[in-house]
Amino acid sequence: MIQQLPRLTLICKVLVLLPFLFSLICSTAFANEQVVRSADVYFKKAMDSTQTSEKLNYFQKAYDRYYMETQLEPSDVYSYVQIARIYSDQNRPEIARNYFATALGIEPDNPFTNYHIGNFCYKQKKYKLALEFYNKAYGIDDKSDLYINMALIYEKFGDLLKANTYYKKAYVLQPSNNELADKIREIDSLKYKNTGYYNKKRK
């Protein structure tokens, strides 16, 4: 019985420390969340800004915080994607591609990552590649922009059947979007049998 005392003492110490360790983990997670939220605020301000110097300033502040989060949570793809979006907006595609690749390497099937890589490819006019990533992004919360982008690509390819399918899916999610309604009526009015002839590009 005496021989069991050291082990019991150790167990007691662990039990005493557990609440402290739990509190430490929670406080660290909260701090990380605050860093990302702060970065998101600056990111949105940058995207909304029309002044170049102000935009750059907000992007820099957002970048600093997202980068900090990549050091605190190296497996969290969100901050890598956001940094990639910053570089893409600033027309630095090579660096953006590297950050997207990092995020994709960590979590290949992440819908958020795939959606924004799809947007990146769309911006680079690599439409077939954009579709591949969009098709992996169906898990995102707001699918309306995803459907619109897919519709635009199929329209560029002259496939009105698929284009109209995705316009209609987007319209279900955005029933007050008059532009979508007009586009659906425009395509429906063609009464097409063979969509291959239609190459009109959406402005």
C-alpha atoms as a PDB file:
ATOM      1  CA  MET A   1       0.000   0.000   0.000  1.00  0.00           C
ATOM      2  CA  ILE A   2       2.879   2.358   0.841  1.00  0.00           C
ATOM      3  CA  GLN A   3       4.400   1.699  -2.598  1.00  0.00           C
ATOM      4  CA  GLN A   4       1.268   3.093  -4.268  1.00  0.00           C
ATOM      5  CA  LEU A   5       1.600   6.548  -2.659  1.00  0.00           C
ATOM      6  CA  PRO A   6       3.971   8.090  -5.226  1.00  0.00           C
ATOM      7  CA  ARG A   7       1.647   7.066  -8.058  1.00  0.00           C
ATOM      8  CA  LEU A   8      -1.403   8.432  -6.218  1.00  0.00           C
ATOM      9  CA  THR A   9       0.428  11.696  -5.557  1.00  0.00           C
ATOM     10  CA  LEU A  10       1.225  12.028  -9.240  1.00  0.00           C
ATOM     11  CA  ILE A  11      -2.399  11.384 -10.176  1.00  0.00           C
ATOM     12  CA  CYS A  12      -3.534  14.016  -7.698  1.00  0.00           C
ATOM     13  CA  LYS A  13      -1.130  16.551  -9.165  1.00  0.00           C
ATOM     14  CA  VAL A  14      -2.399  15.832 -12.660  1.00  0.00           C
ATOM     15  CA  LEU A  15      -5.987  16.243 -11.519  1.00  0.00           C
ATOM     16  CA  VAL A  16      -5.124  19.561  -9.901  1.00  0.00           C
ATOM     17  CA  LEU A  17      -3.431  20.780 -13.085  1.00  0.00           C
ATOM     18  CA  LEU A  18      -6.190  19.701 -15.468  1.00  0.00           C
ATOM     19  CA  PRO A  19      -8.421  22.776 -14.934  1.00  0.00           C
ATOM     20  CA  PHE A  20      -5.423  25.041 -15.451  1.00  0.00           C
ATOM     21  CA  LEU A  21      -4.400  23.256 -18.654  1.00  0.00           C
ATOM     22  CA  PHE A  22      -7.967  23.352 -19.958  1.00  0.00           C
ATOM     23  CA  SER A  23      -8.186  27.062 -19.190  1.00  0.00           C
ATOM     24  CA  LEU A  24      -4.867  27.666 -20.959  1.00  0.00           C
ATOM     25  CA  ILE A  25      -6.004  25.792 -24.076  1.00  0.00           C
ATOM     26  CA  CYS A  26      -9.293  27.702 -24.166  1.00  0.00           C
ATOM     27  CA  SER A  27      -7.619  31.063 -23.699  1.00  0.00           C
ATOM     28  CA  THR A  28      -5.142  30.281 -26.495  1.00  0.00           C
ATOM     29  CA  ALA A  29      -7.945  29.253 -28.834  1.00  0.00           C
ATOM     30  CA  PHE A  30      -9.835  32.442 -27.972  1.00  0.00           C
ATOM     31  CA  ALA A  31      -6.741  34.553 -28.639  1.00  0.00           C
ATOM     32  CA  ASN A  32      -6.254  32.869 -32.029  1.00  0.00           C
ATOM     33  CA  GLU A  33      -9.891  33.490 -32.897  1.00  0.00           C
ATOM     34  CA  GLN A  34      -9.516  37.161 -32.022  1.00  0.00           C
ATOM     35  CA  VAL A  35      -6.477  37.454 -34.291  1.00  0.00           C
ATOM     36  CA  VAL A  36      -8.427  36.020 -37.234  1.00  0.00           C
ATOM     37  CA  ARG A  37     -11.475  38.178 -36.555  1.00  0.00           C
ATOM     38  CA  SER A  38      -9.299  41.262 -36.455  1.00  0.00           C
ATOM     39  CA  ALA A  39      -7.666  40.214 -39.738  1.00  0.00           C
ATOM     40  CA  ASP A  40     -11.079  39.678 -41.326  1.00  0.00           C
ATOM     41  CA  VAL A  41     -12.160  43.196 -40.346  1.00  0.00           C
ATOM     42  CA  TYR A  42      -9.130  44.707 -42.066  1.00  0.00           C
ATOM     43  CA  PHE A  43      -9.552  42.396 -45.061  1.00  0.00           C
ATOM     44  CA  LYS A  44     -13.144  43.559 -45.580  1.00  0.00           C
ATOM     45  CA  LYS A  45     -12.125  47.217 -45.209  1.00  0.00           C
ATOM     46  CA  ALA A  46      -9.445  46.677 -47.852  1.00  0.00           C
ATOM     47  CA  MET A  47     -11.897  45.048 -50.258  1.00  0.00           C
ATOM     48  CA  ASP A  48     -14.397  47.876 -49.753  1.00  0.00           C
ATOM     49  CA  SER A  49     -11.844  50.663 -50.083  1.00  0.00           C
ATOM     50  CA  THR A  50     -11.527  52.623 -53.321  1.00  0.00           C
ATOM     51  CA  GLN A  51      -8.362  54.459 -52.323  1.00  0.00           C
ATOM     52  CA  THR A  52      -5.147  52.652 -53.237  1.00  0.00           C
ATOM     53  CA  SER A  53      -3.065  53.771 -50.245  1.00  0.00           C
ATOM     54  CA  GLU A  54      -5.857  53.004 -47.791  1.00  0.00           C
ATOM     55  CA  LYS A  55      -6.467  49.629 -49.414  1.00  0.00           C
ATOM     56  CA  LEU A  56      -2.785  48.701 -49.143  1.00  0.00           C
ATOM     57  CA  ASN A  57      -2.706  49.779 -45.506  1.00  0.00           C
ATOM     58  CA  TYR A  58      -5.693  47.615 -44.605  1.00  0.00           C
ATOM     59  CA  PHE A  59      -4.323  44.665 -46.563  1.00  0.00           C
ATOM     60  CA  GLN A  60      -1.003  44.963 -44.736  1.00  0.00           C
ATOM     61  CA  LYS A  61      -2.741  44.889 -41.362  1.00  0.00           C
ATOM     62  CA  ALA A  62      -4.826  41.921 -42.445  1.00  0.00           C
ATOM     63  CA  TYR A  63      -1.758  40.121 -43.786  1.00  0.00           C
ATOM     64  CA  ASP A  64       0.189  40.644 -40.538  1.00  0.00           C
ATOM     65  CA  ARG A  65      -2.591  39.005 -38.540  1.00  0.00           C
ATOM     66  CA  TYR A  66      -3.244  36.160 -40.957  1.00  0.00           C
ATOM     67  CA  TYR A  67       0.477  35.418 -41.057  1.00  0.00           C
ATOM     68  CA  MET A  68       0.579  35.378 -37.262  1.00  0.00           C
ATOM     69  CA  GLU A  69      -2.242  32.851 -37.304  1.00  0.00           C
ATOM     70  CA  THR A  70      -0.339  30.607 -39.728  1.00  0.00           C
ATOM     71  CA  GLN A  71       2.453  30.496 -37.160  1.00  0.00           C
ATOM     72  CA  LEU A  72       0.087  29.807 -34.259  1.00  0.00           C
ATOM     73  CA  GLU A  73      -2.061  27.284 -36.157  1.00  0.00           C
ATOM     74  CA  PRO A  74      -0.042  25.902 -39.107  1.00  0.00           C
ATOM     75  CA  SER A  75      -2.767  23.406 -40.010  1.00  0.00           C
ATOM     76  CA  ASP A  76      -5.558  25.995 -40.331  1.00  0.00           C
ATOM     77  CA  VAL A  77      -6.071  26.560 -44.081  1.00  0.00           C
ATOM     78  CA  TYR A  78      -8.257  29.664 -43.711  1.00  0.00           C
ATOM     79  CA  SER A  79      -5.434  32.146 -43.122  1.00  0.00           C
ATOM     80  CA  TYR A  80      -3.338  30.732 -45.982  1.00  0.00           C
ATOM     81  CA  VAL A  81      -6.280  31.208 -48.342  1.00  0.00           C
ATOM     82  CA  GLN A  82      -6.875  34.756 -47.137  1.00  0.00           C
ATOM     83  CA  ILE A  83      -3.227  35.672 -47.668  1.00  0.00           C
ATOM     84  CA  ALA A  84      -3.444  34.170 -51.161  1.00  0.00           C
ATOM     85  CA  ARG A  85      -6.512  36.317 -51.869  1.00  0.00           C
ATOM     86  CA  ILE A  86      -4.597  39.420 -50.786  1.00  0.00           C
ATOM     87  CA  TYR A  87      -1.743  38.665 -53.180  1.00  0.00           C
ATOM     88  CA  SER A  88      -4.202  37.821 -55.962  1.00  0.00           C
ATOM     89  CA  ASP A  89      -5.970  41.151 -55.507  1.00  0.00           C
ATOM     90  CA  GLN A  90      -2.610  42.897 -55.690  1.00  0.00           C
ATOM     91  CA  ASN A  91      -1.813  41.140 -58.990  1.00  0.00           C
ATOM     92  CA  ARG A  92       0.922  38.971 -57.565  1.00  0.00           C
ATOM     93  CA  PRO A  93      -0.328  35.582 -58.813  1.00  0.00           C
ATOM     94  CA  GLU A  94       2.874  33.604 -58.233  1.00  0.00           C
ATOM     95  CA  ILE A  95       2.864  34.284 -54.499  1.00  0.00           C
ATOM     96  CA  ALA A  96      -0.900  33.781 -54.342  1.00  0.00           C
ATOM     97  CA  ARG A  97      -0.486  30.407 -56.052  1.00  0.00           C
ATOM     98  CA  ASN A  98       2.071  29.320 -53.450  1.00  0.00           C
ATOM     99  CA  TYR A  99      -0.252  30.094 -50.554  1.00  0.00           C
ATOM    100  CA  PHE A 100      -3.180  28.390 -52.274  1.00  0.00           C
ATOM    101  CA  ALA A 101      -0.957  25.342 -52.832  1.00  0.00           C
ATOM    102  CA  THR A 102      -0.047  25.293 -49.137  1.00  0.00           C
ATOM    103  CA  ALA A 103      -3.713  25.363 -48.133  1.00  0.00           C
ATOM    104  CA  LEU A 104      -4.560  22.662 -50.662  1.00  0.00           C
ATOM    105  CA  GLY A 105      -1.700  20.504 -49.401  1.00  0.00           C
ATOM    106  CA  ILE A 106      -3.039  20.668 -45.857  1.00  0.00           C
ATOM    107  CA  GLU A 107      -6.678  19.974 -46.696  1.00  0.00           C
ATOM    108  CA  PRO A 108      -7.290  19.071 -50.370  1.00  0.00           C
ATOM    109  CA  ASP A 109     -11.084  18.800 -50.102  1.00  0.00           C
ATOM    110  CA  ASN A 110     -11.714  21.979 -48.140  1.00  0.00           C
ATOM    111  CA  PRO A 111     -14.651  23.770 -49.883  1.00  0.00           C
ATOM    112  CA  PHE A 112     -13.467  27.266 -48.912  1.00  0.00           C
ATOM    113  CA  THR A 113     -10.016  26.619 -50.358  1.00  0.00           C
ATOM    114  CA  ASN A 114     -11.340  25.095 -53.566  1.00  0.00           C
ATOM    115  CA  TYR A 115     -13.856  27.889 -54.097  1.00  0.00           C
ATOM    116  CA  HIS A 116     -11.251  30.631 -53.879  1.00  0.00           C
ATOM    117  CA  ILE A 117      -8.751  28.717 -56.009  1.00  0.00           C
ATOM    118  CA  GLY A 118     -11.569  28.449 -58.533  1.00  0.00           C
ATOM    119  CA  ASN A 119     -11.999  32.227 -58.380  1.00  0.00           C
ATOM    120  CA  PHE A 120      -8.260  32.644 -58.807  1.00  0.00           C
ATOM    121  CA  CYS A 121      -8.268  30.418 -61.908  1.00  0.00           C
ATOM    122  CA  TYR A 122     -11.294  32.290 -63.271  1.00  0.00           C
ATOM    123  CA  LYS A 123      -9.422  35.571 -62.866  1.00  0.00           C
ATOM    124  CA  GLN A 124      -6.501  34.005 -64.744  1.00  0.00           C
ATOM    125  CA  LYS A 125      -8.971  32.953 -67.500  1.00  0.00           C
ATOM    126  CA  LYS A 126      -8.244  29.277 -66.864  1.00  0.00           C
ATOM    127  CA  TYR A 127     -11.903  28.372 -67.034  1.00  0.00           C
ATOM    128  CA  LYS A 128     -11.691  24.576 -67.280  1.00  0.00           C
ATOM    129  CA  LEU A 129      -9.405  24.481 -64.264  1.00  0.00           C
ATOM    130  CA  ALA A 130     -11.737  26.865 -62.411  1.00  0.00           C
ATOM    131  CA  LEU A 131     -14.625  24.447 -62.989  1.00  0.00           C
ATOM    132  CA  GLU A 132     -12.619  21.588 -61.519  1.00  0.00           C
ATOM    133  CA  PHE A 133     -12.125  23.504 -58.292  1.00  0.00           C
ATOM    134  CA  TYR A 134     -15.679  24.846 -58.229  1.00  0.00           C
ATOM    135  CA  ASN A 135     -16.968  21.287 -58.423  1.00  0.00           C
ATOM    136  CA  LYS A 136     -15.050  20.543 -55.201  1.00  0.00           C
ATOM    137  CA  ALA A 137     -16.472  23.600 -53.440  1.00  0.00           C
ATOM    138  CA  TYR A 138     -20.087  22.533 -52.968  1.00  0.00           C
ATOM    139  CA  GLY A 139     -19.689  22.509 -49.196  1.00  0.00           C
ATOM    140  CA  ILE A 140     -19.429  26.297 -48.895  1.00  0.00           C
ATOM    141  CA  ASP A 141     -22.205  28.036 -46.978  1.00  0.00           C
ATOM    142  CA  ASP A 142     -23.236  30.536 -49.671  1.00  0.00           C
ATOM    143  CA  LYS A 143     -23.449  28.757 -53.011  1.00  0.00           C
ATOM    144  CA  SER A 144     -25.046  31.595 -55.008  1.00  0.00           C
ATOM    145  CA  ASP A 145     -21.766  33.138 -56.209  1.00  0.00           C
ATOM    146  CA  LEU A 146     -20.417  29.660 -56.937  1.00  0.00           C
ATOM    147  CA  TYR A 147     -23.415  28.889 -59.154  1.00  0.00           C
ATOM    148  CA  ILE A 148     -23.165  32.250 -60.934  1.00  0.00           C
ATOM    149  CA  ASN A 149     -19.482  31.732 -61.713  1.00  0.00           C
ATOM    150  CA  MET A 150     -20.139  28.227 -63.004  1.00  0.00           C
ATOM    151  CA  ALA A 151     -22.981  29.560 -65.157  1.00  0.00           C
ATOM    152  CA  LEU A 152     -20.721  32.252 -66.581  1.00  0.00           C
ATOM    153  CA  ILE A 153     -18.089  29.675 -67.518  1.00  0.00           C
ATOM    154  CA  TYR A 154     -20.590  27.387 -69.218  1.00  0.00           C
ATOM    155  CA  GLU A 155     -21.976  30.395 -71.081  1.00  0.00           C
ATOM    156  CA  LYS A 156     -18.467  31.249 -72.263  1.00  0.00           C
ATOM    157  CA  PHE A 157     -18.164  27.652 -73.485  1.00  0.00           C
ATOM    158  CA  GLY A 158     -21.475  28.014 -75.363  1.00  0.00           C
ATOM    159  CA  ASP A 159     -23.239  25.408 -73.230  1.00  0.00           C
ATOM    160  CA  LEU A 160     -26.475  27.254 -72.491  1.00  0.00           C
ATOM    161  CA  LEU A 161     -28.203  24.221 -71.048  1.00  0.00           C
ATOM    162  CA  LYS A 162     -25.735  23.950 -68.174  1.00  0.00           C
ATOM    163  CA  ALA A 163     -25.374  27.724 -67.899  1.00  0.00           C
ATOM    164  CA  ASN A 164     -29.115  28.145 -67.432  1.00  0.00           C
ATOM    165  CA  THR A 165     -29.200  25.317 -64.896  1.00  0.00           C
ATOM    166  CA  TYR A 166     -26.697  27.130 -62.692  1.00  0.00           C
ATOM    167  CA  TYR A 167     -28.295  30.539 -63.221  1.00  0.00           C
ATOM    168  CA  LYS A 168     -31.556  29.044 -61.978  1.00  0.00           C
ATOM    169  CA  LYS A 169     -29.838  27.461 -58.975  1.00  0.00           C
ATOM    170  CA  ALA A 170     -28.382  30.852 -58.107  1.00  0.00           C
ATOM    171  CA  TYR A 171     -31.761  32.529 -58.579  1.00  0.00           C
ATOM    172  CA  VAL A 172     -33.360  30.161 -56.053  1.00  0.00           C
ATOM    173  CA  LEU A 173     -30.865  31.514 -53.509  1.00  0.00           C
ATOM    174  CA  GLN A 174     -31.201  35.124 -54.725  1.00  0.00           C
ATOM    175  CA  PRO A 175     -34.863  35.512 -55.769  1.00  0.00           C
ATOM    176  CA  SER A 176     -34.637  39.320 -55.676  1.00  0.00           C
ATOM    177  CA  ASN A 177     -31.729  39.404 -58.139  1.00  0.00           C
ATOM    178  CA  ASN A 178     -33.301  40.979 -61.237  1.00  0.00           C
ATOM    179  CA  GLU A 179     -30.129  40.540 -63.276  1.00  0.00           C
ATOM    180  CA  LEU A 180     -30.302  36.785 -62.791  1.00  0.00           C
ATOM    181  CA  ALA A 181     -33.991  36.747 -63.686  1.00  0.00           C
ATOM    182  CA  ASP A 182     -33.266  38.684 -66.901  1.00  0.00           C
ATOM    183  CA  LYS A 183     -30.450  36.320 -67.833  1.00  0.00           C
ATOM    184  CA  ILE A 184     -32.668  33.254 -67.339  1.00  0.00           C
ATOM    185  CA  ARG A 185     -35.452  34.805 -69.459  1.00  0.00           C
ATOM    186  CA  GLU A 186     -32.907  35.727 -72.139  1.00  0.00           C
ATOM    187  CA  ILE A 187     -31.637  32.171 -72.417  1.00  0.00           C
ATOM    188  CA  ASP A 188     -35.105  30.607 -72.181  1.00  0.00           C
ATOM    189  CA  SER A 189     -36.351  32.860 -74.983  1.00  0.00           C
ATOM    190  CA  LEU A 190     -33.836  31.439 -77.450  1.00  0.00           C
ATOM    191  CA  LYS A 191     -35.797  28.170 -77.715  1.00  0.00           C
ATOM    192  CA  TYR A 192     -32.530  26.451 -78.589  1.00  0.00           C
ATOM    193  CA  LYS A 193     -32.073  22.841 -79.564  1.00  0.00           C
ATOM    194  CA  ASN A 194     -28.339  22.862 -80.116  1.00  0.00           C
ATOM    195  CA  THR A 195     -26.510  25.194 -77.697  1.00  0.00           C
ATOM    196  CA  GLY A 196     -23.144  24.914 -79.427  1.00  0.00           C
ATOM    197  CA  TYR A 197     -23.812  27.809 -81.797  1.00  0.00           C
ATOM    198  CA  TYR A 198     -24.314  30.337 -79.024  1.00  0.00           C
ATOM    199  CA  ASN A 199     -21.131  32.185 -78.107  1.00  0.00           C
ATOM    200  CA  LYS A 200     -22.432  35.474 -76.745  1.00  0.00           C
ATOM    201  CA  LYS A 201     -20.299  36.527 -73.775  1.00  0.00           C
ATOM    202  CA  ARG A 202     -21.730  38.094 -70.688  1.00  0.00           C
ATOM    203  CA  LYS A 203     -20.280  41.527 -70.006  1.00  0.00           C
END
